[in-house]
PDB file of all heavy atoms in Angstrom:
ATOM      1  N   ALA A   1       9.442  11.037  11.123  1.00  0.00           N
ATOM      2  CA  ALA A   1       8.525  10.605  10.173  1.00  0.00           C
ATOM      3  C   ALA A   1       9.182  10.359   8.886  1.00  0.00           C
ATOM      4  O   ALA A   1       8.912   9.310   8.232  1.00  0.00           O
ATOM      5  CB  ALA A   1       7.483  11.630   9.970  1.00  0.00           C
ATOM      6  N   ARG A   2      10.223  11.201   8.507  1.00  0.00           N
ATOM      7  CA  ARG A   2      10.974  10.910   7.210  1.00  0.00           C
ATOM      8  C   ARG A   2      11.665   9.571   7.332  1.00  0.00           C
ATOM      9  O   ARG A   2      11.677   8.688   6.399  1.00  0.00           O
ATOM     10  CB  ARG A   2      11.898  11.964   6.927  1.00  0.00           C
ATOM     11  CG  ARG A   2      11.279  13.305   6.505  1.00  0.00           C
ATOM     12  CD  ARG A   2      12.273  14.328   6.125  1.00  0.00           C
ATOM     13  NE  ARG A   2      11.644  15.525   5.523  1.00  0.00           N
ATOM     14  CZ  ARG A   2      11.318  15.687   4.255  1.00  0.00           C
ATOM     15  NH1 ARG A   2      11.511  14.713   3.384  1.00  0.00           N
ATOM     16  NH2 ARG A   2      10.743  16.867   3.851  1.00  0.00           N
ATOM     17  N   THR A   3      12.280   9.332   8.518  1.00  0.00           N
ATOM     18  CA  THR A   3      13.115   8.113   8.702  1.00  0.00           C
ATOM     19  C   THR A   3      12.104   6.851   8.719  1.00  0.00           C
ATOM     20  O   THR A   3      12.522   5.822   8.154  1.00  0.00           O
ATOM     21  CB  THR A   3      13.932   8.164   9.988  1.00  0.00           C
ATOM     22  OG1 THR A   3      14.760   9.303   9.890  1.00  0.00           O
ATOM     23  CG2 THR A   3      14.717   6.954  10.135  1.00  0.00           C
ATOM     24  N   GLY A   4      11.044   7.117   9.297  1.00  0.00           N
ATOM     25  CA  GLY A   4      10.066   5.970   9.394  1.00  0.00           C
ATOM     26  C   GLY A   4       9.480   5.554   7.948  1.00  0.00           C
ATOM     27  O   GLY A   4       9.470   4.335   7.636  1.00  0.00           O
ATOM     28  N   LEU A   5       9.255   6.537   7.077  1.00  0.00           N
ATOM     29  CA  LEU A   5       8.771   6.179   5.843  1.00  0.00           C
ATOM     30  C   LEU A   5       9.932   5.572   4.936  1.00  0.00           C
ATOM     31  O   LEU A   5       9.701   4.701   4.205  1.00  0.00           O
ATOM     32  CB  LEU A   5       8.301   7.468   5.070  1.00  0.00           C
ATOM     33  CG  LEU A   5       6.930   8.068   5.440  1.00  0.00           C
ATOM     34  CD1 LEU A   5       6.623   9.418   4.792  1.00  0.00           C
ATOM     35  CD2 LEU A   5       5.784   7.142   5.071  1.00  0.00           C
ATOM     36  N   GLN A   6      11.104   6.170   5.141  1.00  0.00           N
ATOM     37  CA  GLN A   6      12.318   5.507   4.412  1.00  0.00           C
ATOM     38  C   GLN A   6      12.456   4.085   4.889  1.00  0.00           C
ATOM     39  O   GLN A   6      12.792   3.205   4.148  1.00  0.00           O
ATOM     40  CB  GLN A   6      13.527   6.330   4.675  1.00  0.00           C
ATOM     41  CG  GLN A   6      13.439   7.679   3.969  1.00  0.00           C
ATOM     42  CD  GLN A   6      14.622   8.557   4.324  1.00  0.00           C
ATOM     43  OE1 GLN A   6      15.548   8.047   5.128  1.00  0.00           O
ATOM     44  NE2 GLN A   6      14.764   9.796   3.852  1.00  0.00           N
ATOM     45  N   LEU A   7      12.390   3.817   6.256  1.00  0.00           N
ATOM     46  CA  LEU A   7      12.477   2.424   6.781  1.00  0.00           C
ATOM     47  C   LEU A   7      11.417   1.506   6.130  1.00  0.00           C
ATOM     48  O   LEU A   7      11.675   0.345   5.842  1.00  0.00           O
ATOM     49  CB  LEU A   7      12.391   2.514   8.242  1.00  0.00           C
ATOM     50  CG  LEU A   7      12.642   1.256   9.003  1.00  0.00           C
ATOM     51  CD1 LEU A   7      14.047   0.626   8.696  1.00  0.00           C
ATOM     52  CD2 LEU A   7      12.442   1.340  10.557  1.00  0.00           C
ATOM     53  N   MET A   8      10.156   1.966   6.091  1.00  0.00           N
ATOM     54  CA  MET A   8       9.117   1.183   5.533  1.00  0.00           C
ATOM     55  C   MET A   8       9.404   0.835   4.038  1.00  0.00           C
ATOM     56  O   MET A   8       9.189  -0.340   3.603  1.00  0.00           O
ATOM     57  CB  MET A   8       7.754   1.930   5.753  1.00  0.00           C
ATOM     58  CG  MET A   8       7.299   2.023   7.142  1.00  0.00           C
ATOM     59  SD  MET A   8       5.829   2.889   7.351  1.00  0.00           S
ATOM     60  CE  MET A   8       4.629   1.842   6.480  1.00  0.00           C
ATOM     61  N   GLU A   9       9.819   1.830   3.242  1.00  0.00           N
ATOM     62  CA  GLU A   9      10.080   1.572   1.913  1.00  0.00           C
ATOM     63  C   GLU A   9      11.343   0.578   1.755  1.00  0.00           C
ATOM     64  O   GLU A   9      11.256  -0.213   0.903  1.00  0.00           O
ATOM     65  CB  GLU A   9      10.438   2.883   1.244  1.00  0.00           C
ATOM     66  CG  GLU A   9       9.254   3.830   1.161  1.00  0.00           C
ATOM     67  CD  GLU A   9       9.715   5.264   0.548  1.00  0.00           C
ATOM     68  OE1 GLU A   9      10.890   5.384   0.311  1.00  0.00           O
ATOM     69  OE2 GLU A   9       8.847   6.211   0.479  1.00  0.00           O
ATOM     70  N   ARG A  10      12.277   0.867   2.673  1.00  0.00           N
ATOM     71  CA  ARG A  10      13.419  -0.133   2.574  1.00  0.00           C
ATOM     72  C   ARG A  10      13.028  -1.462   2.909  1.00  0.00           C
ATOM     73  O   ARG A  10      13.438  -2.467   2.337  1.00  0.00           O
ATOM     74  CB  ARG A  10      14.524   0.436   3.494  1.00  0.00           C
ATOM     75  CG  ARG A  10      15.818  -0.275   3.392  1.00  0.00           C
ATOM     76  CD  ARG A  10      16.903   0.187   4.383  1.00  0.00           C
ATOM     77  NE  ARG A  10      16.569  -0.207   5.677  1.00  0.00           N
ATOM     78  CZ  ARG A  10      17.330   0.155   6.738  1.00  0.00           C
ATOM     79  NH1 ARG A  10      18.515   0.793   6.675  1.00  0.00           N
ATOM     80  NH2 ARG A  10      16.896  -0.361   7.957  1.00  0.00           N
ATOM     81  N   THR A  11      12.175  -1.632   4.034  1.00  0.00           N
ATOM     82  CA  THR A  11      11.738  -3.009   4.367  1.00  0.00           C
ATOM     83  C   THR A  11      11.027  -3.645   3.301  1.00  0.00           C
ATOM     84  O   THR A  11      11.148  -4.864   2.977  1.00  0.00           O
ATOM     85  CB  THR A  11      10.814  -2.876   5.693  1.00  0.00           C
ATOM     86  OG1 THR A  11      11.532  -2.245   6.583  1.00  0.00           O
ATOM     87  CG2 THR A  11      10.403  -4.204   6.074  1.00  0.00           C
ATOM     88  N   ALA A  12      10.127  -2.919   2.565  1.00  0.00           N
ATOM     89  CA  ALA A  12       9.407  -3.429   1.425  1.00  0.00           C
ATOM     90  C   ALA A  12      10.364  -3.963   0.326  1.00  0.00           C
ATOM     91  O   ALA A  12      10.220  -5.005  -0.284  1.00  0.00           O
ATOM     92  CB  ALA A  12       8.318  -2.600   0.872  1.00  0.00           C
ATOM     93  N   ARG A  13      11.431  -2.964   0.010  1.00  0.00           N
ATOM     94  CA  ARG A  13      12.267  -3.347  -1.027  1.00  0.00           C
ATOM     95  C   ARG A  13      13.185  -4.617  -0.591  1.00  0.00           C
ATOM     96  O   ARG A  13      13.548  -5.385  -1.459  1.00  0.00           O
ATOM     97  CB  ARG A  13      13.283  -2.182  -1.307  1.00  0.00           C
ATOM     98  CG  ARG A  13      14.190  -2.304  -2.352  1.00  0.00           C
ATOM     99  CD  ARG A  13      14.733  -0.910  -2.729  1.00  0.00           C
ATOM    100  NE  ARG A  13      15.044  -0.166  -1.636  1.00  0.00           N
ATOM    101  CZ  ARG A  13      16.244  -0.185  -1.026  1.00  0.00           C
ATOM    102  NH1 ARG A  13      17.245  -0.934  -1.386  1.00  0.00           N
ATOM    103  NH2 ARG A  13      16.506   0.673   0.032  1.00  0.00           N
ATOM    104  N   HIS A  14      13.613  -4.646   0.737  1.00  0.00           N
ATOM    105  CA  HIS A  14      14.309  -5.734   1.168  1.00  0.00           C
ATOM    106  C   HIS A  14      13.613  -7.114   1.100  1.00  0.00           C
ATOM    107  O   HIS A  14      14.168  -8.069   0.792  1.00  0.00           O
ATOM    108  CB  HIS A  14      14.891  -5.492   2.548  1.00  0.00           C
ATOM    109  CG  HIS A  14      15.857  -4.472   2.740  1.00  0.00           C
ATOM    110  ND1 HIS A  14      16.364  -3.905   3.713  1.00  0.00           N
ATOM    111  CD2 HIS A  14      16.600  -3.703   1.682  1.00  0.00           C
ATOM    112  CE1 HIS A  14      17.273  -3.015   3.620  1.00  0.00           C
ATOM    113  NE2 HIS A  14      17.343  -2.833   2.362  1.00  0.00           N
ATOM    114  N   ALA A  15      12.326  -7.048   1.386  1.00  0.00           N
ATOM    115  CA  ALA A  15      11.454  -8.249   1.244  1.00  0.00           C
ATOM    116  C   ALA A  15      11.498  -8.750  -0.163  1.00  0.00           C
ATOM    117  O   ALA A  15      11.487  -9.875  -0.397  1.00  0.00           O
ATOM    118  CB  ALA A  15      10.045  -8.090   1.844  1.00  0.00           C
ATOM    119  N   LYS A  16      11.331  -7.773  -1.177  1.00  0.00           N
ATOM    120  CA  LYS A  16      11.347  -8.156  -2.533  1.00  0.00           C
ATOM    121  C   LYS A  16      12.750  -8.799  -2.947  1.00  0.00           C
ATOM    122  O   LYS A  16      12.646  -9.784  -3.723  1.00  0.00           O
ATOM    123  CB  LYS A  16      10.992  -7.081  -3.342  1.00  0.00           C
ATOM    124  CG  LYS A  16      10.826  -7.339  -4.804  1.00  0.00           C
ATOM    125  CD  LYS A  16      10.378  -5.893  -5.685  1.00  0.00           C
ATOM    126  CE  LYS A  16      10.300  -6.441  -7.032  1.00  0.00           C
ATOM    127  NZ  LYS A  16       9.917  -5.121  -7.877  1.00  0.00           N
ATOM    128  N   LEU A  17      13.823  -8.109  -2.465  1.00  0.00           N
ATOM    129  CA  LEU A  17      14.995  -8.715  -2.827  1.00  0.00           C
ATOM    130  C   LEU A  17      15.367 -10.113  -2.192  1.00  0.00           C
ATOM    131  O   LEU A  17      15.855 -11.028  -2.898  1.00  0.00           O
ATOM    132  CB  LEU A  17      16.163  -7.762  -2.291  1.00  0.00           C
ATOM    133  CG  LEU A  17      16.334  -6.398  -3.165  1.00  0.00           C
ATOM    134  CD1 LEU A  17      17.309  -5.512  -2.374  1.00  0.00           C
ATOM    135  CD2 LEU A  17      16.810  -6.634  -4.483  1.00  0.00           C
ATOM    136  N   VAL A  18      14.947 -10.320  -1.047  1.00  0.00           N
ATOM    137  CA  VAL A  18      14.994 -11.753  -0.354  1.00  0.00           C
ATOM    138  C   VAL A  18      14.160 -12.661  -1.132  1.00  0.00           C
ATOM    139  O   VAL A  18      14.643 -13.732  -1.338  1.00  0.00           O
ATOM    140  CB  VAL A  18      14.534 -11.546   1.050  1.00  0.00           C
ATOM    141  CG1 VAL A  18      14.332 -12.954   1.706  1.00  0.00           C
ATOM    142  CG2 VAL A  18      15.486 -10.698   1.905  1.00  0.00           C
ATOM    143  N   GLN A  19      13.046 -12.222  -1.680  1.00  0.00           N
ATOM    144  CA  GLN A  19      12.212 -13.165  -2.461  1.00  0.00           C
ATOM    145  C   GLN A  19      12.825 -13.458  -3.706  1.00  0.00           C
ATOM    146  O   GLN A  19      12.834 -14.707  -4.259  1.00  0.00           O
ATOM    147  CB  GLN A  19      10.816 -12.564  -2.717  1.00  0.00           C
ATOM    148  CG  GLN A  19       9.791 -13.450  -3.328  1.00  0.00           C
ATOM    149  CD  GLN A  19       8.428 -12.816  -3.539  1.00  0.00           C
ATOM    150  OE1 GLN A  19       8.237 -11.709  -3.085  1.00  0.00           O
ATOM    151  NE2 GLN A  19       7.590 -13.652  -4.021  1.00  0.00           N
ATOM    152  N   GLU A  20      13.568 -12.408  -4.368  1.00  0.00           N
ATOM    153  CA  GLU A  20      14.321 -12.732  -5.528  1.00  0.00           C
ATOM    154  C   GLU A  20      15.467 -13.682  -5.262  1.00  0.00           C
ATOM    155  O   GLU A  20      15.761 -14.548  -6.117  1.00  0.00           O
ATOM    156  CB  GLU A  20      14.893 -11.510  -6.120  1.00  0.00           C
ATOM    157  CG  GLU A  20      13.732 -10.462  -6.711  1.00  0.00           C
ATOM    158  CD  GLU A  20      14.189  -9.161  -7.146  1.00  0.00           C
ATOM    159  OE1 GLU A  20      15.499  -8.917  -7.045  1.00  0.00           O
ATOM    160  OE2 GLU A  20      13.413  -8.452  -7.656  1.00  0.00           O
ATOM    161  N   ALA A  21      16.084 -13.503  -4.091  1.00  0.00           N
ATOM    162  CA  ALA A  21      17.261 -14.381  -3.780  1.00  0.00           C
ATOM    163  C   ALA A  21      16.763 -15.853  -3.588  1.00  0.00           C
ATOM    164  O   ALA A  21      17.385 -16.772  -3.934  1.00  0.00           O
ATOM    165  CB  ALA A  21      17.928 -13.903  -2.537  1.00  0.00           C
ATOM    166  N   GLU A  22      15.667 -15.961  -2.981  1.00  0.00           N
ATOM    167  CA  GLU A  22      15.041 -17.378  -2.771  1.00  0.00           C
ATOM    168  C   GLU A  22      14.771 -18.029  -4.132  1.00  0.00           C
ATOM    169  O   GLU A  22      14.910 -19.196  -4.402  1.00  0.00           O
ATOM    170  CB  GLU A  22      13.869 -17.345  -1.805  1.00  0.00           C
ATOM    171  CG  GLU A  22      14.234 -16.930  -0.349  1.00  0.00           C
ATOM    172  CD  GLU A  22      12.900 -16.868   0.440  1.00  0.00           C
ATOM    173  OE1 GLU A  22      11.853 -16.807  -0.102  1.00  0.00           O
ATOM    174  OE2 GLU A  22      13.145 -16.810   1.654  1.00  0.00           O
ATOM    175  N   THR A  23      14.075 -17.222  -5.067  1.00  0.00           N
ATOM    176  CA  THR A  23      13.863 -17.708  -6.326  1.00  0.00           C
ATOM    177  C   THR A  23      15.174 -18.134  -7.133  1.00  0.00           C
ATOM    178  O   THR A  23      15.288 -19.173  -7.714  1.00  0.00           O
ATOM    179  CB  THR A  23      13.221 -16.647  -7.165  1.00  0.00           C
ATOM    180  OG1 THR A  23      11.957 -16.280  -6.572  1.00  0.00           O
ATOM    181  CG2 THR A  23      12.753 -17.230  -8.560  1.00  0.00           C
ATOM    182  N   ALA A  24      16.190 -17.353  -6.880  1.00  0.00           N
ATOM    183  CA  ALA A  24      17.568 -17.678  -7.484  1.00  0.00           C
ATOM    184  C   ALA A  24      18.150 -18.889  -6.924  1.00  0.00           C
ATOM    185  O   ALA A  24      18.695 -19.668  -7.620  1.00  0.00           O
ATOM    186  CB  ALA A  24      18.537 -16.550  -7.328  1.00  0.00           C
ATOM    187  N   VAL A  25      17.947 -19.061  -5.677  1.00  0.00           N
ATOM    188  CA  VAL A  25      18.450 -20.314  -5.067  1.00  0.00           C
ATOM    189  C   VAL A  25      17.757 -21.636  -5.608  1.00  0.00           C
ATOM    190  O   VAL A  25      18.378 -22.563  -5.911  1.00  0.00           O
ATOM    191  CB  VAL A  25      18.298 -20.296  -3.492  1.00  0.00           C
ATOM    192  CG1 VAL A  25      18.602 -21.655  -2.845  1.00  0.00           C
ATOM    193  CG2 VAL A  25      19.230 -19.177  -2.952  1.00  0.00           C
ATOM    194  N   ARG A  26      16.465 -21.491  -5.763  1.00  0.00           N
ATOM    195  CA  ARG A  26      15.624 -22.618  -6.284  1.00  0.00           C
ATOM    196  C   ARG A  26      16.113 -22.841  -7.698  1.00  0.00           C
ATOM    197  O   ARG A  26      16.042 -23.982  -8.193  1.00  0.00           O
ATOM    198  CB  ARG A  26      14.328 -22.258  -6.281  1.00  0.00           C
ATOM    199  CG  ARG A  26      13.605 -22.447  -4.916  1.00  0.00           C
ATOM    200  CD  ARG A  26      12.159 -22.431  -4.933  1.00  0.00           C
ATOM    201  NE  ARG A  26      11.565 -21.035  -5.337  1.00  0.00           N
ATOM    202  CZ  ARG A  26      11.282 -20.161  -4.396  1.00  0.00           C
ATOM    203  NH1 ARG A  26      11.359 -20.447  -3.063  1.00  0.00           N
ATOM    204  NH2 ARG A  26      10.748 -19.055  -4.739  1.00  0.00           N
ATOM    205  N   LYS A  27      16.556 -21.930  -8.472  1.00  0.00           N
ATOM    206  CA  LYS A  27      17.041 -21.980  -9.830  1.00  0.00           C
ATOM    207  C   LYS A  27      18.579 -22.318  -9.943  1.00  0.00           C
ATOM    208  O   LYS A  27      19.201 -22.283 -10.990  1.00  0.00           O
ATOM    209  CB  LYS A  27      16.800 -20.764 -10.643  1.00  0.00           C
ATOM    210  CG  LYS A  27      15.359 -20.366 -10.787  1.00  0.00           C
ATOM    211  CD  LYS A  27      15.154 -19.163 -11.683  1.00  0.00           C
ATOM    212  CE  LYS A  27      13.723 -18.811 -11.879  1.00  0.00           C
ATOM    213  NZ  LYS A  27      13.618 -17.542 -12.653  1.00  0.00           N
ATOM    214  N   LYS A  28      19.267 -22.672  -8.732  1.00  0.00           N
ATOM    215  CA  LYS A  28      20.637 -22.960  -8.692  1.00  0.00           C
ATOM    216  C   LYS A  28      21.543 -21.813  -9.054  1.00  0.00           C
ATOM    217  O   LYS A  28      22.631 -21.940  -9.353  1.00  0.00           O
ATOM    218  CB  LYS A  28      20.942 -24.126  -9.496  1.00  0.00           C
ATOM    219  CG  LYS A  28      20.085 -25.324  -9.209  1.00  0.00           C
ATOM    220  CD  LYS A  28      20.227 -25.930  -7.827  1.00  0.00           C
ATOM    221  CE  LYS A  28      19.309 -27.112  -7.543  1.00  0.00           C
ATOM    222  NZ  LYS A  28      19.464 -27.541  -6.113  1.00  0.00           N
ATOM    223  N   ASP A  29      20.940 -20.539  -8.986  1.00  0.00           N
ATOM    224  CA  ASP A  29      21.819 -19.358  -9.250  1.00  0.00           C
ATOM    225  C   ASP A  29      22.341 -18.722  -8.004  1.00  0.00           C
ATOM    226  O   ASP A  29      21.745 -17.808  -7.421  1.00  0.00           O
ATOM    227  CB  ASP A  29      20.985 -18.233 -10.101  1.00  0.00           C
ATOM    228  CG  ASP A  29      21.659 -17.052 -10.475  1.00  0.00           C
ATOM    229  OD1 ASP A  29      22.984 -17.118 -10.314  1.00  0.00           O
ATOM    230  OD2 ASP A  29      21.134 -16.101 -10.861  1.00  0.00           O
ATOM    231  N   GLU A  30      23.500 -19.340  -7.459  1.00  0.00           N
ATOM    232  CA  GLU A  30      23.895 -18.882  -6.134  1.00  0.00           C
ATOM    233  C   GLU A  30      24.566 -17.570  -6.200  1.00  0.00           C
ATOM    234  O   GLU A  30      24.395 -16.670  -5.257  1.00  0.00           O
ATOM    235  CB  GLU A  30      24.956 -19.937  -5.722  1.00  0.00           C
ATOM    236  CG  GLU A  30      25.577 -19.490  -4.307  1.00  0.00           C
ATOM    237  CD  GLU A  30      26.587 -20.626  -3.759  1.00  0.00           C
ATOM    238  OE1 GLU A  30      26.565 -21.693  -4.407  1.00  0.00           O
ATOM    239  OE2 GLU A  30      27.375 -20.265  -3.004  1.00  0.00           O
ATOM    240  N   ASP A  31      25.254 -17.117  -7.436  1.00  0.00           N
ATOM    241  CA  ASP A  31      25.828 -15.849  -7.487  1.00  0.00           C
ATOM    242  C   ASP A  31      24.588 -14.762  -7.542  1.00  0.00           C
ATOM    243  O   ASP A  31      24.897 -13.638  -6.760  1.00  0.00           O
ATOM    244  CB  ASP A  31      26.511 -15.694  -8.767  1.00  0.00           C
ATOM    245  CG  ASP A  31      27.804 -16.599  -8.700  1.00  0.00           C
ATOM    246  OD1 ASP A  31      28.276 -16.898  -7.547  1.00  0.00           O
ATOM    247  OD2 ASP A  31      28.276 -16.964  -9.877  1.00  0.00           O
ATOM    248  N   GLY A  32      23.610 -14.971  -8.168  1.00  0.00           N
ATOM    249  CA  GLY A  32      22.450 -13.976  -8.108  1.00  0.00           C
ATOM    250  C   GLY A  32      21.820 -13.825  -6.773  1.00  0.00           C
ATOM    251  O   GLY A  32      21.432 -12.757  -6.336  1.00  0.00           O
ATOM    252  N   ALA A  33      21.671 -14.971  -5.976  1.00  0.00           N
ATOM    253  CA  ALA A  33      21.236 -14.994  -4.681  1.00  0.00           C
ATOM    254  C   ALA A  33      22.063 -14.142  -3.741  1.00  0.00           C
ATOM    255  O   ALA A  33      21.598 -13.317  -3.089  1.00  0.00           O
ATOM    256  CB  ALA A  33      20.863 -16.278  -4.219  1.00  0.00           C
ATOM    257  N   ARG A  34      23.421 -14.358  -3.807  1.00  0.00           N
ATOM    258  CA  ARG A  34      24.282 -13.621  -3.099  1.00  0.00           C
ATOM    259  C   ARG A  34      24.392 -12.129  -3.348  1.00  0.00           C
ATOM    260  O   ARG A  34      24.497 -11.289  -2.393  1.00  0.00           O
ATOM    261  CB  ARG A  34      25.738 -14.333  -3.137  1.00  0.00           C
ATOM    262  CG  ARG A  34      25.809 -15.576  -2.471  1.00  0.00           C
ATOM    263  CD  ARG A  34      27.350 -16.092  -2.674  1.00  0.00           C
ATOM    264  NE  ARG A  34      27.488 -17.382  -1.978  1.00  0.00           N
ATOM    265  CZ  ARG A  34      27.849 -17.677  -0.724  1.00  0.00           C
ATOM    266  NH1 ARG A  34      27.928 -16.435   0.049  1.00  0.00           N
ATOM    267  NH2 ARG A  34      28.011 -18.675  -0.130  1.00  0.00           N
ATOM    268  N   SER A  35      24.200 -11.803  -4.599  1.00  0.00           N
ATOM    269  CA  SER A  35      24.158 -10.346  -5.042  1.00  0.00           C
ATOM    270  C   SER A  35      23.082  -9.667  -4.381  1.00  0.00           C
ATOM    271  O   SER A  35      23.135  -8.541  -3.899  1.00  0.00           O
ATOM    272  CB  SER A  35      24.149 -10.250  -6.450  1.00  0.00           C
ATOM    273  OG  SER A  35      24.114  -8.876  -6.886  1.00  0.00           O
ATOM    274  N   ALA A  36      21.840 -10.256  -4.493  1.00  0.00           N
ATOM    275  CA  ALA A  36      20.631  -9.757  -3.863  1.00  0.00           C
ATOM    276  C   ALA A  36      20.754  -9.671  -2.344  1.00  0.00           C
ATOM    277  O   ALA A  36      20.300  -8.647  -1.660  1.00  0.00           O
ATOM    278  CB  ALA A  36      19.418 -10.511  -4.283  1.00  0.00           C
TER     279      ALA A  36
END
């Protein structure tokens, strides 16, 4: 159960980071996208 909750929190956080990376790509910020 602990691992499942951590995995769900991590999945949500990763989805947010991927969204930030896509926004950085659209802004031509390749370094920011790669960091995320």
